[in-house]
């Protein structure tokens, strides 16, 4: 190999690497953002569900068949399933 072909080969290798990183990074960031958004939505759903559960009377809880676990569920923080 001549010096010119080695330099040319090295340049093609280094020029491909940044391109791969540029195209893969936004996909990774997009996937991460989607995961974060879905997690926040789930936390909001749990918070709202537990708040509604806390508003029910003992008779309502008995009616829906949930009196035993209601206190445990209401006491959980929103991030805990």
PDB file of N, CA and C in Angstrom:
ATOM      1  N   UNK A   1       0.826  -1.179   0.000  1.00  0.00           N
ATOM      2  CA  UNK A   1       0.000   0.000   0.000  1.00  0.00           C
ATOM      3  C   UNK A   1       0.871   1.242   0.000  1.00  0.00           C
ATOM      4  N   UNK A   2       0.444   2.192  -0.758  1.00  0.00           N
ATOM      5  CA  UNK A   2       1.179   3.449  -0.791  1.00  0.00           C
ATOM      6  C   UNK A   2       0.727   4.336   0.360  1.00  0.00           C
ATOM      7  N   UNK A   3       1.481   5.357   0.600  1.00  0.00           N
ATOM      8  CA  UNK A   3       1.132   6.283   1.673  1.00  0.00           C
ATOM      9  C   UNK A   3      -0.199   6.948   1.385  1.00  0.00           C
ATOM     10  N   UNK A   4      -0.430   7.267   0.128  1.00  0.00           N
ATOM     11  CA  UNK A   4      -1.691   7.924  -0.237  1.00  0.00           C
ATOM     12  C   UNK A   4      -2.884   6.984   0.014  1.00  0.00           C
ATOM     13  N   UNK A   5      -2.753   5.720  -0.336  1.00  0.00           N
ATOM     14  CA  UNK A   5      -3.865   4.796  -0.125  1.00  0.00           C
ATOM     15  C   UNK A   5      -4.090   4.517   1.361  1.00  0.00           C
ATOM     16  N   UNK A   6      -3.018   4.492   2.151  1.00  0.00           N
ATOM     17  CA  UNK A   6      -3.167   4.295   3.592  1.00  0.00           C
ATOM     18  C   UNK A   6      -3.884   5.486   4.206  1.00  0.00           C
ATOM     19  N   UNK A   7      -3.467   6.683   3.816  1.00  0.00           N
ATOM     20  CA  UNK A   7      -4.112   7.888   4.326  1.00  0.00           C
ATOM     21  C   UNK A   7      -5.564   7.935   3.892  1.00  0.00           C
ATOM     22  N   UNK A   8      -5.804   7.584   2.660  1.00  0.00           N
ATOM     23  CA  UNK A   8      -7.166   7.572   2.136  1.00  0.00           C
ATOM     24  C   UNK A   8      -8.017   6.552   2.876  1.00  0.00           C
ATOM     25  N   UNK A   9      -7.456   5.370   3.130  1.00  0.00           N
ATOM     26  CA  UNK A   9      -8.171   4.321   3.858  1.00  0.00           C
ATOM     27  C   UNK A   9      -8.456   4.761   5.294  1.00  0.00           C
ATOM     28  N   UNK A  10      -7.469   5.354   5.958  1.00  0.00           N
ATOM     29  CA  UNK A  10      -7.654   5.822   7.326  1.00  0.00           C
ATOM     30  C   UNK A  10      -8.708   6.920   7.371  1.00  0.00           C
ATOM     31  N   UNK A  11      -8.721   7.787   6.389  1.00  0.00           N
ATOM     32  CA  UNK A  11      -9.711   8.863   6.350  1.00  0.00           C
ATOM     33  C   UNK A  11     -11.120   8.293   6.176  1.00  0.00           C
ATOM     34  N   UNK A  12     -11.257   7.276   5.332  1.00  0.00           N
ATOM     35  CA  UNK A  12     -12.584   6.699   5.127  1.00  0.00           C
ATOM     36  C   UNK A  12     -13.081   5.990   6.389  1.00  0.00           C
ATOM     37  N   UNK A  13     -12.187   5.385   7.141  1.00  0.00           N
ATOM     38  CA  UNK A  13     -12.575   4.725   8.385  1.00  0.00           C
ATOM     39  C   UNK A  13     -13.024   5.756   9.407  1.00  0.00           C
ATOM     40  N   UNK A  14     -12.258   6.823   9.582  1.00  0.00           N
ATOM     41  CA  UNK A  14     -12.617   7.831  10.578  1.00  0.00           C
ATOM     42  C   UNK A  14     -13.826   8.636  10.152  1.00  0.00           C
ATOM     43  N   UNK A  15     -14.051   8.801   8.860  1.00  0.00           N
ATOM     44  CA  UNK A  15     -15.207   9.580   8.435  1.00  0.00           C
ATOM     45  C   UNK A  15     -16.501   8.782   8.571  1.00  0.00           C
ATOM     46  N   UNK A  16     -16.417   7.455   8.582  1.00  0.00           N
ATOM     47  CA  UNK A  16     -17.621   6.651   8.750  1.00  0.00           C
ATOM     48  C   UNK A  16     -18.062   6.594  10.211  1.00  0.00           C
ATOM     49  N   UNK A  17     -17.138   6.576  11.133  1.00  0.00           N
ATOM     50  CA  UNK A  17     -17.483   6.451  12.542  1.00  0.00           C
ATOM     51  C   UNK A  17     -18.350   7.595  13.057  1.00  0.00           C
ATOM     52  N   UNK A  18     -17.991   8.861  12.822  1.00  0.00           N
ATOM     53  CA  UNK A  18     -18.856   9.936  13.305  1.00  0.00           C
ATOM     54  C   UNK A  18     -20.247   9.892  12.684  1.00  0.00           C
ATOM     55  N   UNK A  19     -20.334   9.503  11.429  1.00  0.00           N
ATOM     56  CA  UNK A  19     -21.637   9.434  10.777  1.00  0.00           C
ATOM     57  C   UNK A  19     -22.511   8.403  11.473  1.00  0.00           C
ATOM     58  N   UNK A  20     -21.936   7.260  11.810  1.00  0.00           N
ATOM     59  CA  UNK A  20     -22.707   6.236  12.513  1.00  0.00           C
ATOM     60  C   UNK A  20     -23.205   6.764  13.852  1.00  0.00           C
ATOM     61  N   UNK A  21     -22.349   7.472  14.563  1.00  0.00           N
ATOM     62  CA  UNK A  21     -22.744   8.020  15.858  1.00  0.00           C
ATOM     63  C   UNK A  21     -23.821   9.083  15.712  1.00  0.00           C
ATOM     64  N   UNK A  22     -23.730   9.900  14.700  1.00  0.00           N
ATOM     65  CA  UNK A  22     -24.709  10.966  14.503  1.00  0.00           C
ATOM     66  C   UNK A  22     -26.083  10.386  14.221  1.00  0.00           C
ATOM     67  N   UNK A  23     -26.145   9.332  13.417  1.00  0.00           N
ATOM     68  CA  UNK A  23     -27.442   8.758  13.072  1.00  0.00           C
ATOM     69  C   UNK A  23     -28.012   7.868  14.176  1.00  0.00           C
ATOM     70  N   UNK A  24     -27.189   7.253  14.972  1.00  0.00           N
ATOM     71  CA  UNK A  24     -27.711   6.379  16.021  1.00  0.00           C
ATOM     72  C   UNK A  24     -28.074   7.153  17.288  1.00  0.00           C
ATOM     73  N   UNK A  25     -27.421   8.263  17.560  1.00  0.00           N
ATOM     74  CA  UNK A  25     -27.689   9.030  18.773  1.00  0.00           C
ATOM     75  C   UNK A  25     -29.122   9.543  18.837  1.00  0.00           C
ATOM     76  N   UNK A  26     -29.665  10.169  17.787  1.00  0.00           N
ATOM     77  CA  UNK A  26     -31.048  10.651  17.897  1.00  0.00           C
ATOM     78  C   UNK A  26     -32.050   9.527  18.143  1.00  0.00           C
ATOM     79  N   UNK A  27     -31.813   8.357  17.577  1.00  0.00           N
ATOM     80  CA  UNK A  27     -32.720   7.239  17.825  1.00  0.00           C
ATOM     81  C   UNK A  27     -32.676   6.845  19.294  1.00  0.00           C
ATOM     82  N   UNK A  28     -31.488   6.801  19.867  1.00  0.00           N
ATOM     83  CA  UNK A  28     -31.346   6.448  21.271  1.00  0.00           C
ATOM     84  C   UNK A  28     -32.004   7.494  22.163  1.00  0.00           C
ATOM     85  N   UNK A  29     -31.800   8.755  21.829  1.00  0.00           N
ATOM     86  CA  UNK A  29     -32.400   9.836  22.609  1.00  0.00           C
ATOM     87  C   UNK A  29     -33.912   9.777  22.491  1.00  0.00           C
ATOM     88  N   UNK A  30     -34.409   9.521  21.285  1.00  0.00           N
ATOM     89  CA  UNK A  30     -35.850   9.411  21.078  1.00  0.00           C
ATOM     90  C   UNK A  30     -36.452   8.272  21.872  1.00  0.00           C
ATOM     91  N   UNK A  31     -35.785   7.142  21.880  1.00  0.00           N
ATOM     92  CA  UNK A  31     -36.276   5.997  22.653  1.00  0.00           C
ATOM     93  C   UNK A  31     -36.261   6.302  24.143  1.00  0.00           C
ATOM     94  N   UNK A  32     -35.210   6.966  24.604  1.00  0.00           N
ATOM     95  CA  UNK A  32     -35.122   7.335  26.009  1.00  0.00           C
ATOM     96  C   UNK A  32     -36.233   8.313  26.385  1.00  0.00           C
ATOM     97  N   UNK A  33     -36.468   9.319  25.539  1.00  0.00           N
ATOM     98  CA  UNK A  33     -37.534  10.282  25.818  1.00  0.00           C
ATOM     99  C   UNK A  33     -38.901   9.610  25.844  1.00  0.00           C
ATOM    100  N   UNK A  34     -39.145   8.692  24.925  1.00  0.00           N
ATOM    101  CA  UNK A  34     -40.418   7.956  24.920  1.00  0.00           C
ATOM    102  C   UNK A  34     -40.587   7.155  26.208  1.00  0.00           C
ATOM    103  N   UNK A  35     -39.530   6.539  26.661  1.00  0.00           N
ATOM    104  CA  UNK A  35     -39.578   5.748  27.900  1.00  0.00           C
ATOM    105  C   UNK A  35     -39.871   6.648  29.105  1.00  0.00           C
ATOM    106  N   UNK A  36     -39.232   7.813  29.131  1.00  0.00           N
ATOM    107  CA  UNK A  36     -39.465   8.758  30.226  1.00  0.00           C
ATOM    108  C   UNK A  36     -40.908   9.241  30.222  1.00  0.00           C
ATOM    109  N   UNK A  37     -41.425   9.567  29.049  1.00  0.00           N
ATOM    110  CA  UNK A  37     -42.804  10.043  28.935  1.00  0.00           C
ATOM    111  C   UNK A  37     -43.781   8.966  29.384  1.00  0.00           C
ATOM    112  N   UNK A  38     -43.562   7.738  28.962  1.00  0.00           N
ATOM    113  CA  UNK A  38     -44.442   6.638  29.368  1.00  0.00           C
ATOM    114  C   UNK A  38     -44.382   6.410  30.876  1.00  0.00           C
ATOM    115  N   UNK A  39     -43.201   6.531  31.463  1.00  0.00           N
ATOM    116  CA  UNK A  39     -43.063   6.371  32.916  1.00  0.00           C
ATOM    117  C   UNK A  39     -43.825   7.467  33.644  1.00  0.00           C
ATOM    118  N   UNK A  40     -43.695   8.704  33.181  1.00  0.00           N
ATOM    119  CA  UNK A  40     -44.419   9.816  33.809  1.00  0.00           C
ATOM    120  C   UNK A  40     -45.929   9.636  33.691  1.00  0.00           C
ATOM    121  N   UNK A  41     -46.393   9.141  32.554  1.00  0.00           N
ATOM    122  CA  UNK A  41     -47.826   8.879  32.381  1.00  0.00           C
ATOM    123  C   UNK A  41     -48.314   7.799  33.345  1.00  0.00           C
ATOM    124  N   UNK A  42     -47.508   6.762  33.503  1.00  0.00           N
ATOM    125  CA  UNK A  42     -47.879   5.683  34.423  1.00  0.00           C
ATOM    126  C   UNK A  42     -47.926   6.205  35.849  1.00  0.00           C
ATOM    127  N   UNK A  43     -46.962   7.020  36.241  1.00  0.00           N
ATOM    128  CA  UNK A  43     -46.957   7.586  37.584  1.00  0.00           C
ATOM    129  C   UNK A  43     -48.190   8.453  37.809  1.00  0.00           C
ATOM    130  N   UNK A  44     -48.569   9.242  36.804  1.00  0.00           N
ATOM    131  CA  UNK A  44     -49.764  10.088  36.936  1.00  0.00           C
ATOM    132  C   UNK A  44     -51.012   9.225  37.086  1.00  0.00           C
ATOM    133  N   UNK A  45     -51.084   8.138  36.303  1.00  0.00           N
ATOM    134  CA  UNK A  45     -52.228   7.237  36.385  1.00  0.00           C
ATOM    135  C   UNK A  45     -52.334   6.627  37.787  1.00  0.00           C
ATOM    136  N   UNK A  46     -51.199   6.177  38.332  1.00  0.00           N
ATOM    137  CA  UNK A  46     -51.200   5.597  39.676  1.00  0.00           C
ATOM    138  C   UNK A  46     -51.613   6.625  40.724  1.00  0.00           C
ATOM    139  N   UNK A  47     -51.077   7.839  40.602  1.00  0.00           N
ATOM    140  CA  UNK A  47     -51.408   8.894  41.572  1.00  0.00           C
ATOM    141  C   UNK A  47     -52.900   9.182  41.557  1.00  0.00           C
ATOM    142  N   UNK A  48     -53.464   9.320  40.367  1.00  0.00           N
ATOM    143  CA  UNK A  48     -54.899   9.597  40.246  1.00  0.00           C
ATOM    144  C   UNK A  48     -55.742   8.432  40.747  1.00  0.00           C
ATOM    145  N   UNK A  49     -55.334   7.228  40.422  1.00  0.00           N
ATOM    146  CA  UNK A  49     -56.069   6.040  40.852  1.00  0.00           C
ATOM    147  C   UNK A  49     -56.070   5.919  42.368  1.00  0.00           C
ATOM    148  N   UNK A  50     -54.928   6.157  42.993  1.00  0.00           N
ATOM    149  CA  UNK A  50     -54.840   6.055  44.451  1.00  0.00           C
ATOM    150  C   UNK A  50     -55.591   7.188  45.141  1.00  0.00           C
ATOM    151  N   UNK A  51     -55.611   8.351  44.515  1.00  0.00           N
ATOM    152  CA  UNK A  51     -56.383   9.463  45.073  1.00  0.00           C
ATOM    153  C   UNK A  51     -57.874   9.137  45.023  1.00  0.00           C
ATOM    154  N   UNK A  52     -58.339   8.549  43.924  1.00  0.00           N
ATOM    155  CA  UNK A  52     -59.746   8.148  43.829  1.00  0.00           C
ATOM    156  C   UNK A  52     -60.071   7.056  44.837  1.00  0.00           C
ATOM    157  N   UNK A  53     -59.168   6.129  45.007  1.00  0.00           N
ATOM    158  CA  UNK A  53     -59.356   5.058  45.978  1.00  0.00           C
ATOM    159  C   UNK A  53     -59.470   5.629  47.390  1.00  0.00           C
ATOM    160  N   UNK A  54     -58.680   6.638  47.696  1.00  0.00           N
ATOM    161  CA  UNK A  54     -58.720   7.262  49.026  1.00  0.00           C
ATOM    162  C   UNK A  54     -60.038   7.976  49.278  1.00  0.00           C
ATOM    163  N   UNK A  55     -60.713   8.399  48.241  1.00  0.00           N
ATOM    164  CA  UNK A  55     -61.994   9.100  48.388  1.00  0.00           C
ATOM    165  C   UNK A  55     -63.170   8.157  48.651  1.00  0.00           C
ATOM    166  N   UNK A  56     -62.997   6.884  48.387  1.00  0.00           N
ATOM    167  CA  UNK A  56     -64.091   5.928  48.568  1.00  0.00           C
ATOM    168  C   UNK A  56     -64.345   5.661  50.046  1.00  0.00           C
ATOM    169  N   UNK A  57     -65.578   5.434  50.369  1.00  0.00           N
ATOM    170  CA  UNK A  57     -65.951   5.088  51.746  1.00  0.00           C
ATOM    171  C   UNK A  57     -65.691   3.603  51.984  1.00  0.00           C
ATOM    172  N   UNK A  58     -65.750   3.211  53.233  1.00  0.00           N
ATOM    173  CA  UNK A  58     -65.565   1.787  53.562  1.00  0.00           C
ATOM    174  C   UNK A  58     -66.629   0.930  52.885  1.00  0.00           C
ATOM    175  N   UNK A  59     -67.845   1.445  52.818  1.00  0.00           N
ATOM    176  CA  UNK A  59     -68.931   0.717  52.162  1.00  0.00           C
ATOM    177  C   UNK A  59     -68.647   0.566  50.662  1.00  0.00           C
ATOM    178  N   UNK A  60     -68.140   1.627  50.039  1.00  0.00           N
ATOM    179  CA  UNK A  60     -67.781   1.553  48.619  1.00  0.00           C
ATOM    180  C   UNK A  60     -66.680   0.520  48.392  1.00  0.00           C
ATOM    181  N   UNK A  61     -65.681   0.528  49.253  1.00  0.00           N
ATOM    182  CA  UNK A  61     -64.578  -0.428  49.130  1.00  0.00           C
ATOM    183  C   UNK A  61     -65.066  -1.858  49.295  1.00  0.00           C
ATOM    184  N   UNK A  62     -65.963  -2.056  50.242  1.00  0.00           N
ATOM    185  CA  UNK A  62     -66.529  -3.393  50.448  1.00  0.00           C
ATOM    186  C   UNK A  62     -67.349  -3.804  49.233  1.00  0.00           C
ATOM    187  N   UNK A  63     -68.073  -2.853  48.667  1.00  0.00           N
ATOM    188  CA  UNK A  63     -68.908  -3.118  47.502  1.00  0.00           C
ATOM    189  C   UNK A  63     -68.084  -3.567  46.295  1.00  0.00           C
ATOM    190  N   UNK A  64     -66.927  -2.988  46.116  1.00  0.00           N
ATOM    191  CA  UNK A  64     -66.091  -3.378  44.967  1.00  0.00           C
ATOM    192  C   UNK A  64     -65.150  -4.532  45.305  1.00  0.00           C
ATOM    193  N   UNK A  65     -65.223  -5.013  46.557  1.00  0.00           N
ATOM    194  CA  UNK A  65     -64.414  -6.169  46.941  1.00  0.00           C
ATOM    195  C   UNK A  65     -62.958  -5.833  47.164  1.00  0.00           C
ATOM    196  N   UNK A  66     -62.711  -4.652  47.643  1.00  0.00           N
ATOM    197  CA  UNK A  66     -61.327  -4.197  47.785  1.00  0.00           C
ATOM    198  C   UNK A  66     -60.985  -3.691  49.181  1.00  0.00           C
ATOM    199  N   UNK A  67     -61.712  -4.036  50.223  1.00  0.00           N
ATOM    200  CA  UNK A  67     -61.462  -3.403  51.523  1.00  0.00           C
ATOM    201  C   UNK A  67     -60.140  -3.798  52.168  1.00  0.00           C
ATOM    202  N   UNK A  68     -59.687  -5.007  51.961  1.00  0.00           N
ATOM    203  CA  UNK A  68     -58.481  -5.481  52.649  1.00  0.00           C
ATOM    204  C   UNK A  68     -57.202  -4.795  52.160  1.00  0.00           C
ATOM    205  N   UNK A  69     -57.084  -4.614  50.872  1.00  0.00           N
ATOM    206  CA  UNK A  69     -55.852  -4.064  50.313  1.00  0.00           C
ATOM    207  C   UNK A  69     -55.905  -2.559  50.075  1.00  0.00           C
ATOM    208  N   UNK A  70     -57.027  -1.936  50.309  1.00  0.00           N
ATOM    209  CA  UNK A  70     -57.191  -0.517  49.997  1.00  0.00           C
ATOM    210  C   UNK A  70     -56.209   0.359  50.770  1.00  0.00           C
ATOM    211  N   UNK A  71     -56.040   0.114  52.050  1.00  0.00           N
ATOM    212  CA  UNK A  71     -55.133   0.938  52.852  1.00  0.00           C
ATOM    213  C   UNK A  71     -53.692   0.808  52.372  1.00  0.00           C
ATOM    214  N   UNK A  72     -53.281  -0.421  52.059  1.00  0.00           N
ATOM    215  CA  UNK A  72     -51.932  -0.638  51.537  1.00  0.00           C
ATOM    216  C   UNK A  72     -51.732   0.115  50.226  1.00  0.00           C
ATOM    217  N   UNK A  73     -52.709   0.005  49.358  1.00  0.00           N
ATOM    218  CA  UNK A  73     -52.620   0.637  48.036  1.00  0.00           C
ATOM    219  C   UNK A  73     -52.603   2.154  48.154  1.00  0.00           C
ATOM    220  N   UNK A  74     -53.417   2.713  49.000  1.00  0.00           N
ATOM    221  CA  UNK A  74     -53.473   4.172  49.171  1.00  0.00           C
ATOM    222  C   UNK A  74     -52.168   4.715  49.741  1.00  0.00           C
ATOM    223  N   UNK A  75     -51.497   3.924  50.563  1.00  0.00           N
ATOM    224  CA  UNK A  75     -50.270   4.379  51.221  1.00  0.00           C
ATOM    225  C   UNK A  75     -49.039   4.324  50.313  1.00  0.00           C
ATOM    226  N   UNK A  76     -49.113   3.617  49.201  1.00  0.00           N
ATOM    227  CA  UNK A  76     -47.955   3.481  48.314  1.00  0.00           C
ATOM    228  C   UNK A  76     -47.643   4.809  47.626  1.00  0.00           C
ATOM    229  N   UNK A  77     -46.364   5.106  47.456  1.00  0.00           N
ATOM    230  CA  UNK A  77     -46.007   6.270  46.641  1.00  0.00           C
ATOM    231  C   UNK A  77     -46.277   5.977  45.166  1.00  0.00           C
ATOM    232  N   UNK A  78     -46.449   7.012  44.375  1.00  0.00           N
ATOM    233  CA  UNK A  78     -46.833   6.832  42.976  1.00  0.00           C
ATOM    234  C   UNK A  78     -45.821   6.047  42.151  1.00  0.00           C
ATOM    235  N   UNK A  79     -44.562   6.056  42.514  1.00  0.00           N
ATOM    236  CA  UNK A  79     -43.553   5.358  41.717  1.00  0.00           C
ATOM    237  C   UNK A  79     -43.507   3.867  42.004  1.00  0.00           C
ATOM    238  N   UNK A  80     -44.186   3.408  43.045  1.00  0.00           N
ATOM    239  CA  UNK A  80     -44.179   1.990  43.387  1.00  0.00           C
ATOM    240  C   UNK A  80     -45.407   1.300  42.816  1.00  0.00           C
ATOM    241  N   UNK A  81     -45.188   0.213  42.115  1.00  0.00           N
ATOM    242  CA  UNK A  81     -46.293  -0.535  41.500  1.00  0.00           C
ATOM    243  C   UNK A  81     -47.034  -1.363  42.522  1.00  0.00           C
TER     244      UNK A  81
END
